[in-house]
C-alpha cells in the first residue's frame, strides 16, 4: 500500500492483465475491490507490473524504461 501511495495509483493499475492468473481470478470484473487485487498480487507475484522504480517519496512503473526519467 505504501508503494501505491508513491505511485499515486490504484492497485488495479499495477496488474499485468496479460497473465493467465488475471483472467482465472476474474480481476477484470468492475466490482473487484482494491483489497482483492492486493491479495491476488501477494498470492501471485507474476501479476505485478515491473519494474517499479522508487526514488524518495515517488515511484513509477518503468514501462517503458524512459518512465524512470520522470523521477529525476
N, C-alpha and C. Protein backbone atom coordinates (compact mmCIF):
# COMPACT_ATOMS: atom_id res chain seq x y z
N UNK A 1 0.82 -1.20 0.00
CA UNK A 1 0.00 0.00 0.00
C UNK A 1 0.86 1.25 0.00
N UNK A 2 1.99 1.21 0.71
CA UNK A 2 2.89 2.36 0.72
C UNK A 2 3.46 2.61 -0.68
N UNK A 3 3.73 1.55 -1.39
CA UNK A 3 4.22 1.69 -2.76
C UNK A 3 3.16 2.33 -3.64
N UNK A 4 1.91 1.96 -3.47
CA UNK A 4 0.83 2.55 -4.26
C UNK A 4 0.70 4.05 -3.99
N UNK A 5 0.95 4.46 -2.77
CA UNK A 5 0.93 5.89 -2.45
C UNK A 5 2.01 6.60 -3.25
N UNK A 6 3.21 6.01 -3.29
CA UNK A 6 4.30 6.62 -4.04
C UNK A 6 4.02 6.63 -5.54
N UNK A 7 3.35 5.61 -6.01
CA UNK A 7 3.00 5.53 -7.43
C UNK A 7 1.82 6.44 -7.79
N UNK A 8 1.03 6.79 -6.78
CA UNK A 8 -0.21 7.54 -6.98
C UNK A 8 -1.16 6.79 -7.92
N UNK A 9 -1.26 5.47 -7.67
CA UNK A 9 -2.10 4.61 -8.49
C UNK A 9 -2.98 3.73 -7.61
N UNK A 10 -4.05 3.24 -8.19
CA UNK A 10 -4.90 2.24 -7.56
C UNK A 10 -4.29 0.87 -7.83
N UNK A 11 -4.55 -0.10 -7.00
CA UNK A 11 -3.97 -1.43 -7.18
C UNK A 11 -4.20 -2.03 -8.58
N UNK A 12 -5.35 -1.84 -9.14
CA UNK A 12 -5.64 -2.41 -10.46
C UNK A 12 -4.71 -1.88 -11.54
N UNK A 13 -4.15 -0.70 -11.34
CA UNK A 13 -3.27 -0.09 -12.34
C UNK A 13 -1.90 -0.75 -12.40
N UNK A 14 -1.56 -1.56 -11.41
CA UNK A 14 -0.25 -2.22 -11.43
C UNK A 14 -0.37 -3.72 -11.70
N UNK A 15 -1.50 -4.12 -12.26
CA UNK A 15 -1.71 -5.52 -12.62
C UNK A 15 -1.25 -5.78 -14.05
N UNK A 16 -0.69 -6.95 -14.25
CA UNK A 16 -0.35 -7.41 -15.60
C UNK A 16 -1.55 -8.20 -16.12
N UNK A 17 -2.34 -7.56 -16.95
CA UNK A 17 -3.58 -8.19 -17.41
C UNK A 17 -3.37 -9.22 -18.51
N UNK A 18 -2.13 -9.42 -18.93
CA UNK A 18 -1.87 -10.44 -19.94
C UNK A 18 -1.54 -11.81 -19.33
N UNK A 19 -1.45 -11.86 -18.02
CA UNK A 19 -1.14 -13.12 -17.35
C UNK A 19 -2.40 -13.99 -17.21
N UNK A 20 -2.26 -15.30 -17.36
CA UNK A 20 -3.42 -16.19 -17.21
C UNK A 20 -4.12 -16.04 -15.87
N UNK A 21 -3.36 -15.78 -14.81
CA UNK A 21 -3.94 -15.63 -13.48
C UNK A 21 -4.92 -14.46 -13.42
N UNK A 22 -4.67 -13.46 -14.20
CA UNK A 22 -5.55 -12.29 -14.23
C UNK A 22 -6.96 -12.71 -14.63
N UNK A 23 -7.04 -13.52 -15.67
CA UNK A 23 -8.36 -14.00 -16.13
C UNK A 23 -8.92 -15.07 -15.19
N UNK A 24 -8.06 -15.96 -14.73
CA UNK A 24 -8.52 -17.04 -13.86
C UNK A 24 -9.11 -16.52 -12.55
N UNK A 25 -8.56 -15.43 -12.06
CA UNK A 25 -9.04 -14.85 -10.80
C UNK A 25 -10.13 -13.80 -11.01
N UNK A 26 -10.52 -13.59 -12.27
CA UNK A 26 -11.59 -12.65 -12.63
C UNK A 26 -11.29 -11.22 -12.14
N UNK A 27 -10.04 -10.82 -12.26
CA UNK A 27 -9.65 -9.49 -11.79
C UNK A 27 -10.11 -8.38 -12.73
N UNK A 28 -10.67 -8.76 -13.87
CA UNK A 28 -11.18 -7.77 -14.82
C UNK A 28 -12.61 -7.32 -14.48
N UNK A 29 -13.21 -7.92 -13.48
CA UNK A 29 -14.58 -7.55 -13.11
C UNK A 29 -14.59 -6.16 -12.48
N UNK A 30 -15.57 -5.33 -12.82
CA UNK A 30 -15.62 -3.97 -12.29
C UNK A 30 -15.85 -3.91 -10.78
N UNK A 31 -16.37 -4.97 -10.19
CA UNK A 31 -16.63 -4.96 -8.75
C UNK A 31 -15.46 -5.51 -7.93
N UNK A 32 -14.31 -5.74 -8.57
CA UNK A 32 -13.13 -6.23 -7.86
C UNK A 32 -12.60 -5.13 -6.94
N UNK A 33 -12.45 -5.46 -5.68
CA UNK A 33 -12.01 -4.46 -4.70
C UNK A 33 -10.50 -4.31 -4.70
N UNK A 34 -10.03 -3.18 -4.18
CA UNK A 34 -8.59 -2.96 -4.04
C UNK A 34 -7.97 -4.06 -3.18
N UNK A 35 -8.65 -4.45 -2.12
CA UNK A 35 -8.15 -5.50 -1.24
C UNK A 35 -8.00 -6.82 -1.98
N UNK A 36 -8.94 -7.13 -2.85
CA UNK A 36 -8.86 -8.37 -3.62
C UNK A 36 -7.68 -8.33 -4.59
N UNK A 37 -7.43 -7.18 -5.18
CA UNK A 37 -6.30 -7.04 -6.10
C UNK A 37 -4.99 -7.22 -5.33
N UNK A 38 -4.86 -6.57 -4.19
CA UNK A 38 -3.64 -6.68 -3.40
C UNK A 38 -3.42 -8.12 -2.93
N UNK A 39 -4.49 -8.80 -2.55
CA UNK A 39 -4.39 -10.20 -2.15
C UNK A 39 -3.92 -11.06 -3.33
N UNK A 40 -4.47 -10.80 -4.51
CA UNK A 40 -4.07 -11.55 -5.70
C UNK A 40 -2.60 -11.34 -6.02
N UNK A 41 -2.13 -10.10 -5.90
CA UNK A 41 -0.71 -9.82 -6.17
C UNK A 41 0.17 -10.54 -5.14
N UNK A 42 -0.24 -10.55 -3.88
CA UNK A 42 0.54 -11.23 -2.85
C UNK A 42 0.61 -12.73 -3.10
N UNK A 43 -0.48 -13.30 -3.58
CA UNK A 43 -0.53 -14.74 -3.82
C UNK A 43 0.08 -15.13 -5.16
N UNK A 44 0.06 -14.19 -6.13
CA UNK A 44 0.55 -14.46 -7.49
C UNK A 44 1.42 -13.29 -7.93
N UNK A 45 2.66 -13.22 -7.47
CA UNK A 45 3.51 -12.07 -7.78
C UNK A 45 3.70 -11.79 -9.27
N UNK A 46 3.47 -12.80 -10.11
CA UNK A 46 3.59 -12.59 -11.55
C UNK A 46 2.61 -11.51 -12.03
N UNK A 47 1.57 -11.24 -11.26
CA UNK A 47 0.57 -10.24 -11.65
C UNK A 47 1.06 -8.80 -11.49
N UNK A 48 2.15 -8.61 -10.78
CA UNK A 48 2.64 -7.26 -10.51
C UNK A 48 3.42 -6.71 -11.70
N UNK A 49 3.01 -5.53 -12.17
CA UNK A 49 3.77 -4.84 -13.21
C UNK A 49 5.17 -4.60 -12.70
N UNK A 50 6.14 -4.74 -13.56
CA UNK A 50 7.51 -4.48 -13.17
C UNK A 50 8.31 -4.05 -14.37
N UNK A 51 9.39 -3.39 -14.16
CA UNK A 51 9.93 -2.99 -12.88
C UNK A 51 9.22 -1.75 -12.32
N UNK A 52 9.26 -1.63 -11.02
CA UNK A 52 8.80 -0.42 -10.35
C UNK A 52 10.04 0.20 -9.73
N UNK A 53 10.28 1.46 -10.07
CA UNK A 53 11.45 2.16 -9.57
C UNK A 53 10.99 3.20 -8.54
N UNK A 54 11.66 3.17 -7.38
CA UNK A 54 11.33 4.08 -6.28
C UNK A 54 12.49 5.05 -6.09
N UNK A 55 12.15 6.32 -5.96
CA UNK A 55 13.14 7.35 -5.67
C UNK A 55 12.53 8.29 -4.64
N UNK A 56 12.98 8.17 -3.42
CA UNK A 56 12.43 9.01 -2.35
C UNK A 56 10.97 8.72 -2.12
N UNK A 57 10.16 9.77 -2.19
CA UNK A 57 8.72 9.65 -1.94
C UNK A 57 7.92 9.35 -3.20
N UNK A 58 8.60 9.13 -4.31
CA UNK A 58 7.89 8.89 -5.58
C UNK A 58 8.32 7.57 -6.19
N UNK A 59 7.50 7.05 -7.08
CA UNK A 59 7.80 5.81 -7.78
C UNK A 59 7.10 5.82 -9.13
N UNK A 60 7.61 5.02 -10.05
CA UNK A 60 6.97 4.84 -11.36
C UNK A 60 7.07 3.38 -11.76
N UNK A 61 6.10 2.94 -12.55
CA UNK A 61 6.20 1.66 -13.24
C UNK A 61 7.05 1.97 -14.47
N UNK A 62 8.23 1.41 -14.53
CA UNK A 62 9.21 1.77 -15.56
C UNK A 62 9.00 0.99 -16.85
N UNK A 63 7.83 1.10 -17.39
CA UNK A 63 7.50 0.51 -18.69
C UNK A 63 6.82 1.58 -19.51
N UNK A 64 7.46 2.10 -20.49
CA UNK A 64 8.79 1.80 -20.99
C UNK A 64 9.86 2.35 -20.05
N UNK A 65 11.11 1.92 -20.23
CA UNK A 65 12.18 2.33 -19.33
C UNK A 65 12.35 3.85 -19.20
N UNK A 66 11.96 4.59 -20.21
CA UNK A 66 12.08 6.06 -20.18
C UNK A 66 11.22 6.68 -19.07
N UNK A 67 10.27 5.95 -18.55
CA UNK A 67 9.42 6.46 -17.46
C UNK A 67 10.24 6.81 -16.23
N UNK A 68 11.41 6.18 -16.07
CA UNK A 68 12.27 6.46 -14.94
C UNK A 68 12.69 7.93 -14.94
N UNK A 69 12.78 8.54 -16.11
CA UNK A 69 13.17 9.94 -16.21
C UNK A 69 12.20 10.87 -15.48
N UNK A 70 10.98 10.43 -15.25
CA UNK A 70 10.01 11.23 -14.51
C UNK A 70 10.43 11.45 -13.05
N UNK A 71 11.32 10.60 -12.57
CA UNK A 71 11.74 10.68 -11.16
C UNK A 71 12.91 11.62 -10.96
N UNK A 72 13.60 11.98 -12.03
CA UNK A 72 14.79 12.83 -11.87
C UNK A 72 14.54 14.26 -12.28
